[in-house]
């Protein structure tokens, strides 16, 4: 039960982060500032995309990993 709650929370965070990064990239493309940014801003975009990728990785990996851990510690 608790694992389902954590998994739902991870999905929510991943979806929110994806929409936030997508919206900010969309606005930057609209204003054509994406190619005029400083090096610091472009590294911020790379960090944001990495965070979104990592959160989706957790969503995909977390559920099978918790099932594996639960099977390891089940009492016979």
PDB file of N, CA and C in Angstrom:
ATOM      1  N   UNK A   1       0.825  -1.201   0.000  1.00  0.00           N
ATOM      2  CA  UNK A   1       0.000   0.000   0.000  1.00  0.00           C
ATOM      3  C   UNK A   1       0.862   1.256   0.000  1.00  0.00           C
ATOM      4  N   UNK A   2       1.872   1.262   0.862  1.00  0.00           N
ATOM      5  CA  UNK A   2       2.748   2.426   0.938  1.00  0.00           C
ATOM      6  C   UNK A   2       3.549   2.600  -0.344  1.00  0.00           C
ATOM      7  N   UNK A   3       3.938   1.467  -0.973  1.00  0.00           N
ATOM      8  CA  UNK A   3       4.693   1.543  -2.218  1.00  0.00           C
ATOM      9  C   UNK A   3       3.853   2.177  -3.329  1.00  0.00           C
ATOM     10  N   UNK A   4       2.544   1.870  -3.334  1.00  0.00           N
ATOM     11  CA  UNK A   4       1.661   2.476  -4.338  1.00  0.00           C
ATOM     12  C   UNK A   4       1.588   3.982  -4.167  1.00  0.00           C
ATOM     13  N   UNK A   5       1.557   4.450  -2.917  1.00  0.00           N
ATOM     14  CA  UNK A   5       1.515   5.877  -2.643  1.00  0.00           C
ATOM     15  C   UNK A   5       2.798   6.563  -3.115  1.00  0.00           C
ATOM     16  N   UNK A   6       3.947   5.946  -2.834  1.00  0.00           N
ATOM     17  CA  UNK A   6       5.228   6.515  -3.256  1.00  0.00           C
ATOM     18  C   UNK A   6       5.331   6.517  -4.780  1.00  0.00           C
ATOM     19  N   UNK A   7       4.893   5.426  -5.410  1.00  0.00           N
ATOM     20  CA  UNK A   7       4.959   5.340  -6.866  1.00  0.00           C
ATOM     21  C   UNK A   7       4.062   6.400  -7.506  1.00  0.00           C
ATOM     22  N   UNK A   8       2.876   6.625  -6.956  1.00  0.00           N
ATOM     23  CA  UNK A   8       1.987   7.670  -7.473  1.00  0.00           C
ATOM     24  C   UNK A   8       2.619   9.045  -7.294  1.00  0.00           C
ATOM     25  N   UNK A   9       3.288   9.271  -6.171  1.00  0.00           N
ATOM     26  CA  UNK A   9       3.974  10.541  -5.944  1.00  0.00           C
ATOM     27  C   UNK A   9       5.103  10.764  -6.924  1.00  0.00           C
ATOM     28  N   UNK A  10       5.872   9.705  -7.207  1.00  0.00           N
ATOM     29  CA  UNK A  10       6.949   9.828  -8.185  1.00  0.00           C
ATOM     30  C   UNK A  10       6.403  10.134  -9.579  1.00  0.00           C
ATOM     31  N   UNK A  11       5.296   9.488  -9.940  1.00  0.00           N
ATOM     32  CA  UNK A  11       4.684   9.778 -11.242  1.00  0.00           C
ATOM     33  C   UNK A  11       4.226  11.228 -11.310  1.00  0.00           C
ATOM     34  N   UNK A  12       3.614  11.711 -10.239  1.00  0.00           N
ATOM     35  CA  UNK A  12       3.143  13.095 -10.209  1.00  0.00           C
ATOM     36  C   UNK A  12       4.301  14.074 -10.360  1.00  0.00           C
ATOM     37  N   UNK A  13       5.396  13.841  -9.641  1.00  0.00           N
ATOM     38  CA  UNK A  13       6.562  14.721  -9.728  1.00  0.00           C
ATOM     39  C   UNK A  13       7.156  14.685 -11.127  1.00  0.00           C
ATOM     40  N   UNK A  14       7.251  13.485 -11.718  1.00  0.00           N
ATOM     41  CA  UNK A  14       7.827  13.365 -13.054  1.00  0.00           C
ATOM     42  C   UNK A  14       6.960  14.077 -14.090  1.00  0.00           C
ATOM     43  N   UNK A  15       5.649  13.940 -13.983  1.00  0.00           N
ATOM     44  CA  UNK A  15       4.755  14.596 -14.941  1.00  0.00           C
ATOM     45  C   UNK A  15       4.817  16.112 -14.782  1.00  0.00           C
ATOM     46  N   UNK A  16       4.822  16.598 -13.546  1.00  0.00           N
ATOM     47  CA  UNK A  16       4.906  18.044 -13.310  1.00  0.00           C
ATOM     48  C   UNK A  16       6.234  18.606 -13.826  1.00  0.00           C
ATOM     49  N   UNK A  17       7.329  17.904 -13.573  1.00  0.00           N
ATOM     50  CA  UNK A  17       8.637  18.367 -14.046  1.00  0.00           C
ATOM     51  C   UNK A  17       8.695  18.374 -15.570  1.00  0.00           C
ATOM     52  N   UNK A  18       8.100  17.358 -16.199  1.00  0.00           N
ATOM     53  CA  UNK A  18       8.095  17.302 -17.658  1.00  0.00           C
ATOM     54  C   UNK A  18       7.311  18.477 -18.244  1.00  0.00           C
ATOM     55  N   UNK A  19       6.138  18.759 -17.689  1.00  0.00           N
ATOM     56  CA  UNK A  19       5.358  19.881 -18.186  1.00  0.00           C
ATOM     57  C   UNK A  19       6.064  21.212 -17.937  1.00  0.00           C
ATOM     58  N   UNK A  20       6.689  21.364 -16.785  1.00  0.00           N
ATOM     59  CA  UNK A  20       7.373  22.619 -16.471  1.00  0.00           C
ATOM     60  C   UNK A  20       8.541  22.867 -17.422  1.00  0.00           C
ATOM     61  N   UNK A  21       9.369  21.828 -17.629  1.00  0.00           N
ATOM     62  CA  UNK A  21      10.516  21.998 -18.528  1.00  0.00           C
ATOM     63  C   UNK A  21      10.047  22.189 -19.968  1.00  0.00           C
ATOM     64  N   UNK A  22       9.033  21.429 -20.374  1.00  0.00           N
ATOM     65  CA  UNK A  22       8.512  21.588 -21.730  1.00  0.00           C
ATOM     66  C   UNK A  22       7.937  22.978 -21.965  1.00  0.00           C
ATOM     67  N   UNK A  23       7.206  23.493 -20.992  1.00  0.00           N
ATOM     68  CA  UNK A  23       6.619  24.828 -21.121  1.00  0.00           C
ATOM     69  C   UNK A  23       7.702  25.904 -21.173  1.00  0.00           C
ATOM     70  N   UNK A  24       8.725  25.766 -20.341  1.00  0.00           N
ATOM     71  CA  UNK A  24       9.785  26.784 -20.358  1.00  0.00           C
ATOM     72  C   UNK A  24      10.570  26.733 -21.668  1.00  0.00           C
ATOM     73  N   UNK A  25      10.826  25.526 -22.200  1.00  0.00           N
ATOM     74  CA  UNK A  25      11.494  25.440 -23.498  1.00  0.00           C
ATOM     75  C   UNK A  25      10.618  26.008 -24.610  1.00  0.00           C
ATOM     76  N   UNK A  26       9.313  25.757 -24.535  1.00  0.00           N
ATOM     77  CA  UNK A  26       8.372  26.291 -25.524  1.00  0.00           C
ATOM     78  C   UNK A  26       8.378  27.816 -25.518  1.00  0.00           C
ATOM     79  N   UNK A  27       8.374  28.410 -24.326  1.00  0.00           N
ATOM     80  CA  UNK A  27       8.396  29.875 -24.244  1.00  0.00           C
ATOM     81  C   UNK A  27       9.715  30.438 -24.770  1.00  0.00           C
ATOM     82  N   UNK A  28      10.815  29.730 -24.526  1.00  0.00           N
ATOM     83  CA  UNK A  28      12.094  30.219 -25.018  1.00  0.00           C
ATOM     84  C   UNK A  28      12.176  30.124 -26.534  1.00  0.00           C
ATOM     85  N   UNK A  29      11.591  29.088 -27.115  1.00  0.00           N
ATOM     86  CA  UNK A  29      11.561  28.989 -28.569  1.00  0.00           C
ATOM     87  C   UNK A  29      10.668  30.076 -29.163  1.00  0.00           C
ATOM     88  N   UNK A  30       9.562  30.403 -28.460  1.00  0.00           N
ATOM     89  CA  UNK A  30       8.682  31.450 -28.959  1.00  0.00           C
ATOM     90  C   UNK A  30       9.388  32.799 -28.999  1.00  0.00           C
ATOM     91  N   UNK A  31      10.151  33.092 -27.972  1.00  0.00           N
ATOM     92  CA  UNK A  31      10.820  34.386 -27.914  1.00  0.00           C
ATOM     93  C   UNK A  31      12.191  34.356 -28.578  1.00  0.00           C
ATOM     94  N   UNK A  32      12.577  33.185 -29.093  1.00  0.00           N
ATOM     95  CA  UNK A  32      13.847  32.999 -29.801  1.00  0.00           C
ATOM     96  C   UNK A  32      15.049  33.384 -28.948  1.00  0.00           C
ATOM     97  N   UNK A  33      14.927  33.167 -27.654  1.00  0.00           N
ATOM     98  CA  UNK A  33      16.055  33.454 -26.765  1.00  0.00           C
ATOM     99  C   UNK A  33      16.894  32.220 -26.508  1.00  0.00           C
ATOM    100  N   UNK A  34      16.445  31.060 -27.009  1.00  0.00           N
ATOM    101  CA  UNK A  34      17.167  29.826 -26.721  1.00  0.00           C
ATOM    102  C   UNK A  34      18.585  29.876 -27.298  1.00  0.00           C
ATOM    103  N   UNK A  35      18.739  30.482 -28.464  1.00  0.00           N
ATOM    104  CA  UNK A  35      20.042  30.504 -29.118  1.00  0.00           C
ATOM    105  C   UNK A  35      20.869  31.719 -28.729  1.00  0.00           C
ATOM    106  N   UNK A  36      20.286  32.630 -27.956  1.00  0.00           N
ATOM    107  CA  UNK A  36      21.006  33.835 -27.535  1.00  0.00           C
ATOM    108  C   UNK A  36      21.366  33.794 -26.056  1.00  0.00           C
ATOM    109  N   UNK A  37      21.161  32.649 -25.419  1.00  0.00           N
ATOM    110  CA  UNK A  37      21.395  32.574 -23.982  1.00  0.00           C
ATOM    111  C   UNK A  37      22.885  32.467 -23.669  1.00  0.00           C
ATOM    112  N   UNK A  38      23.185  32.791 -22.423  1.00  0.00           N
ATOM    113  CA  UNK A  38      24.552  32.621 -21.963  1.00  0.00           C
ATOM    114  C   UNK A  38      24.828  31.152 -21.695  1.00  0.00           C
ATOM    115  N   UNK A  39      26.067  30.836 -21.414  1.00  0.00           N
ATOM    116  CA  UNK A  39      26.449  29.448 -21.159  1.00  0.00           C
ATOM    117  C   UNK A  39      25.794  28.916 -19.883  1.00  0.00           C
ATOM    118  N   UNK A  40      25.587  29.784 -18.905  1.00  0.00           N
ATOM    119  CA  UNK A  40      24.976  29.367 -17.650  1.00  0.00           C
ATOM    120  C   UNK A  40      23.522  28.939 -17.862  1.00  0.00           C
ATOM    121  N   UNK A  41      22.793  29.662 -18.691  1.00  0.00           N
ATOM    122  CA  UNK A  41      21.389  29.321 -18.940  1.00  0.00           C
ATOM    123  C   UNK A  41      21.271  27.995 -19.685  1.00  0.00           C
ATOM    124  N   UNK A  42      22.156  27.760 -20.653  1.00  0.00           N
ATOM    125  CA  UNK A  42      22.072  26.498 -21.391  1.00  0.00           C
ATOM    126  C   UNK A  42      22.440  25.326 -20.493  1.00  0.00           C
ATOM    127  N   UNK A  43      23.356  25.520 -19.555  1.00  0.00           N
ATOM    128  CA  UNK A  43      23.664  24.434 -18.624  1.00  0.00           C
ATOM    129  C   UNK A  43      22.493  24.206 -17.677  1.00  0.00           C
ATOM    130  N   UNK A  44      21.730  25.252 -17.361  1.00  0.00           N
ATOM    131  CA  UNK A  44      20.522  25.081 -16.547  1.00  0.00           C
ATOM    132  C   UNK A  44      19.483  24.237 -17.266  1.00  0.00           C
ATOM    133  N   UNK A  45      19.357  24.421 -18.587  1.00  0.00           N
ATOM    134  CA  UNK A  45      18.426  23.610 -19.375  1.00  0.00           C
ATOM    135  C   UNK A  45      18.876  22.156 -19.376  1.00  0.00           C
ATOM    136  N   UNK A  46      20.173  21.917 -19.501  1.00  0.00           N
ATOM    137  CA  UNK A  46      20.696  20.545 -19.484  1.00  0.00           C
ATOM    138  C   UNK A  46      20.432  19.895 -18.130  1.00  0.00           C
ATOM    139  N   UNK A  47      20.632  20.653 -17.045  1.00  0.00           N
ATOM    140  CA  UNK A  47      20.365  20.119 -15.703  1.00  0.00           C
ATOM    141  C   UNK A  47      18.876  19.804 -15.544  1.00  0.00           C
ATOM    142  N   UNK A  48      17.998  20.684 -16.043  1.00  0.00           N
ATOM    143  CA  UNK A  48      16.554  20.441 -15.932  1.00  0.00           C
ATOM    144  C   UNK A  48      16.142  19.206 -16.720  1.00  0.00           C
ATOM    145  N   UNK A  49      16.663  19.049 -17.933  1.00  0.00           N
ATOM    146  CA  UNK A  49      16.325  17.863 -18.730  1.00  0.00           C
ATOM    147  C   UNK A  49      16.867  16.596 -18.086  1.00  0.00           C
ATOM    148  N   UNK A  50      18.043  16.678 -17.462  1.00  0.00           N
ATOM    149  CA  UNK A  50      18.592  15.528 -16.752  1.00  0.00           C
ATOM    150  C   UNK A  50      17.717  15.162 -15.559  1.00  0.00           C
ATOM    151  N   UNK A  51      17.216  16.165 -14.841  1.00  0.00           N
ATOM    152  CA  UNK A  51      16.330  15.902 -13.695  1.00  0.00           C
ATOM    153  C   UNK A  51      15.032  15.242 -14.144  1.00  0.00           C
ATOM    154  N   UNK A  52      14.485  15.687 -15.277  1.00  0.00           N
ATOM    155  CA  UNK A  52      13.260  15.072 -15.794  1.00  0.00           C
ATOM    156  C   UNK A  52      13.530  13.627 -16.196  1.00  0.00           C
ATOM    157  N   UNK A  53      14.639  13.395 -16.875  1.00  0.00           N
ATOM    158  CA  UNK A  53      14.987  12.025 -17.259  1.00  0.00           C
ATOM    159  C   UNK A  53      15.192  11.129 -16.056  1.00  0.00           C
ATOM    160  N   UNK A  54      15.840  11.643 -15.022  1.00  0.00           N
ATOM    161  CA  UNK A  54      16.069  10.843 -13.824  1.00  0.00           C
ATOM    162  C   UNK A  54      14.765  10.544 -13.094  1.00  0.00           C
ATOM    163  N   UNK A  55      13.854  11.522 -13.068  1.00  0.00           N
ATOM    164  CA  UNK A  55      12.577  11.268 -12.391  1.00  0.00           C
ATOM    165  C   UNK A  55      11.767  10.219 -13.137  1.00  0.00           C
ATOM    166  N   UNK A  56      11.790  10.237 -14.469  1.00  0.00           N
ATOM    167  CA  UNK A  56      11.087   9.199 -15.221  1.00  0.00           C
ATOM    168  C   UNK A  56      11.777   7.851 -15.055  1.00  0.00           C
ATOM    169  N   UNK A  57      13.102   7.858 -14.936  1.00  0.00           N
ATOM    170  CA  UNK A  57      13.838   6.614 -14.674  1.00  0.00           C
ATOM    171  C   UNK A  57      13.396   6.014 -13.337  1.00  0.00           C
ATOM    172  N   UNK A  58      13.227   6.861 -12.313  1.00  0.00           N
ATOM    173  CA  UNK A  58      12.750   6.377 -11.019  1.00  0.00           C
ATOM    174  C   UNK A  58      11.345   5.802 -11.121  1.00  0.00           C
ATOM    175  N   UNK A  59      10.492   6.449 -11.917  1.00  0.00           N
ATOM    176  CA  UNK A  59       9.123   5.954 -12.075  1.00  0.00           C
ATOM    177  C   UNK A  59       9.132   4.576 -12.717  1.00  0.00           C
ATOM    178  N   UNK A  60       9.975   4.388 -13.712  1.00  0.00           N
ATOM    179  CA  UNK A  60      10.000   3.107 -14.436  1.00  0.00           C
ATOM    180  C   UNK A  60      10.661   2.013 -13.602  1.00  0.00           C
ATOM    181  N   UNK A  61      11.701   2.356 -12.842  1.00  0.00           N
ATOM    182  CA  UNK A  61      12.482   1.364 -12.114  1.00  0.00           C
ATOM    183  C   UNK A  61      11.919   1.097 -10.720  1.00  0.00           C
ATOM    184  N   UNK A  62      11.253   2.060 -10.096  1.00  0.00           N
ATOM    185  CA  UNK A  62      10.904   1.955  -8.680  1.00  0.00           C
ATOM    186  C   UNK A  62       9.966   0.792  -8.392  1.00  0.00           C
ATOM    187  N   UNK A  63       8.932   0.630  -9.201  1.00  0.00           N
ATOM    188  CA  UNK A  63       7.930  -0.411  -8.935  1.00  0.00           C
ATOM    189  C   UNK A  63       8.540  -1.825  -8.990  1.00  0.00           C
ATOM    190  N   UNK A  64       9.256  -2.215 -10.044  1.00  0.00           N
ATOM    191  CA  UNK A  64       9.836  -3.567 -10.043  1.00  0.00           C
ATOM    192  C   UNK A  64      10.873  -3.757  -8.940  1.00  0.00           C
ATOM    193  N   UNK A  65      11.615  -2.703  -8.608  1.00  0.00           N
ATOM    194  CA  UNK A  65      12.631  -2.810  -7.565  1.00  0.00           C
ATOM    195  C   UNK A  65      11.984  -3.062  -6.212  1.00  0.00           C
ATOM    196  N   UNK A  66      10.880  -2.356  -5.926  1.00  0.00           N
ATOM    197  CA  UNK A  66      10.189  -2.574  -4.647  1.00  0.00           C
ATOM    198  C   UNK A  66       9.576  -3.973  -4.587  1.00  0.00           C
ATOM    199  N   UNK A  67       9.064  -4.470  -5.702  1.00  0.00           N
ATOM    200  CA  UNK A  67       8.540  -5.836  -5.726  1.00  0.00           C
ATOM    201  C   UNK A  67       9.645  -6.845  -5.433  1.00  0.00           C
ATOM    202  N   UNK A  68      10.841  -6.611  -6.003  1.00  0.00           N
ATOM    203  CA  UNK A  68      11.980  -7.497  -5.769  1.00  0.00           C
ATOM    204  C   UNK A  68      12.405  -7.473  -4.306  1.00  0.00           C
ATOM    205  N   UNK A  69      12.466  -6.279  -3.710  1.00  0.00           N
ATOM    206  CA  UNK A  69      12.865  -6.151  -2.303  1.00  0.00           C
ATOM    207  C   UNK A  69      11.827  -6.810  -1.397  1.00  0.00           C
ATOM    208  N   UNK A  70      10.540  -6.633  -1.705  1.00  0.00           N
ATOM    209  CA  UNK A  70       9.501  -7.270  -0.898  1.00  0.00           C
ATOM    210  C   UNK A  70       9.592  -8.791  -0.961  1.00  0.00           C
ATOM    211  N   UNK A  71       9.915  -9.337  -2.127  1.00  0.00           N
ATOM    212  CA  UNK A  71      10.049 -10.790  -2.250  1.00  0.00           C
ATOM    213  C   UNK A  71      11.265 -11.300  -1.487  1.00  0.00           C
ATOM    214  N   UNK A  72      12.325 -10.490  -1.427  1.00  0.00           N
ATOM    215  CA  UNK A  72      13.522 -10.898  -0.695  1.00  0.00           C
ATOM    216  C   UNK A  72      13.243 -11.031   0.797  1.00  0.00           C
ATOM    217  N   UNK A  73      12.455 -10.113   1.341  1.00  0.00           N
ATOM    218  CA  UNK A  73      12.253 -10.077   2.781  1.00  0.00           C
ATOM    219  C   UNK A  73      10.943 -10.714   3.235  1.00  0.00           C
ATOM    220  N   UNK A  74      10.225 -11.364   2.322  1.00  0.00           N
ATOM    221  CA  UNK A  74       9.021 -12.095   2.722  1.00  0.00           C
ATOM    222  C   UNK A  74       9.395 -13.279   3.601  1.00  0.00           C
ATOM    223  N   UNK A  75       8.595 -13.473   4.632  1.00  0.00           N
ATOM    224  CA  UNK A  75       8.842 -14.620   5.517  1.00  0.00           C
ATOM    225  C   UNK A  75       8.179 -15.858   4.923  1.00  0.00           C
ATOM    226  N   UNK A  76       8.880 -16.983   4.912  1.00  0.00           N
ATOM    227  CA  UNK A  76       8.294 -18.198   4.323  1.00  0.00           C
ATOM    228  C   UNK A  76       7.164 -18.766   5.171  1.00  0.00           C
TER     229      UNK A  76
END
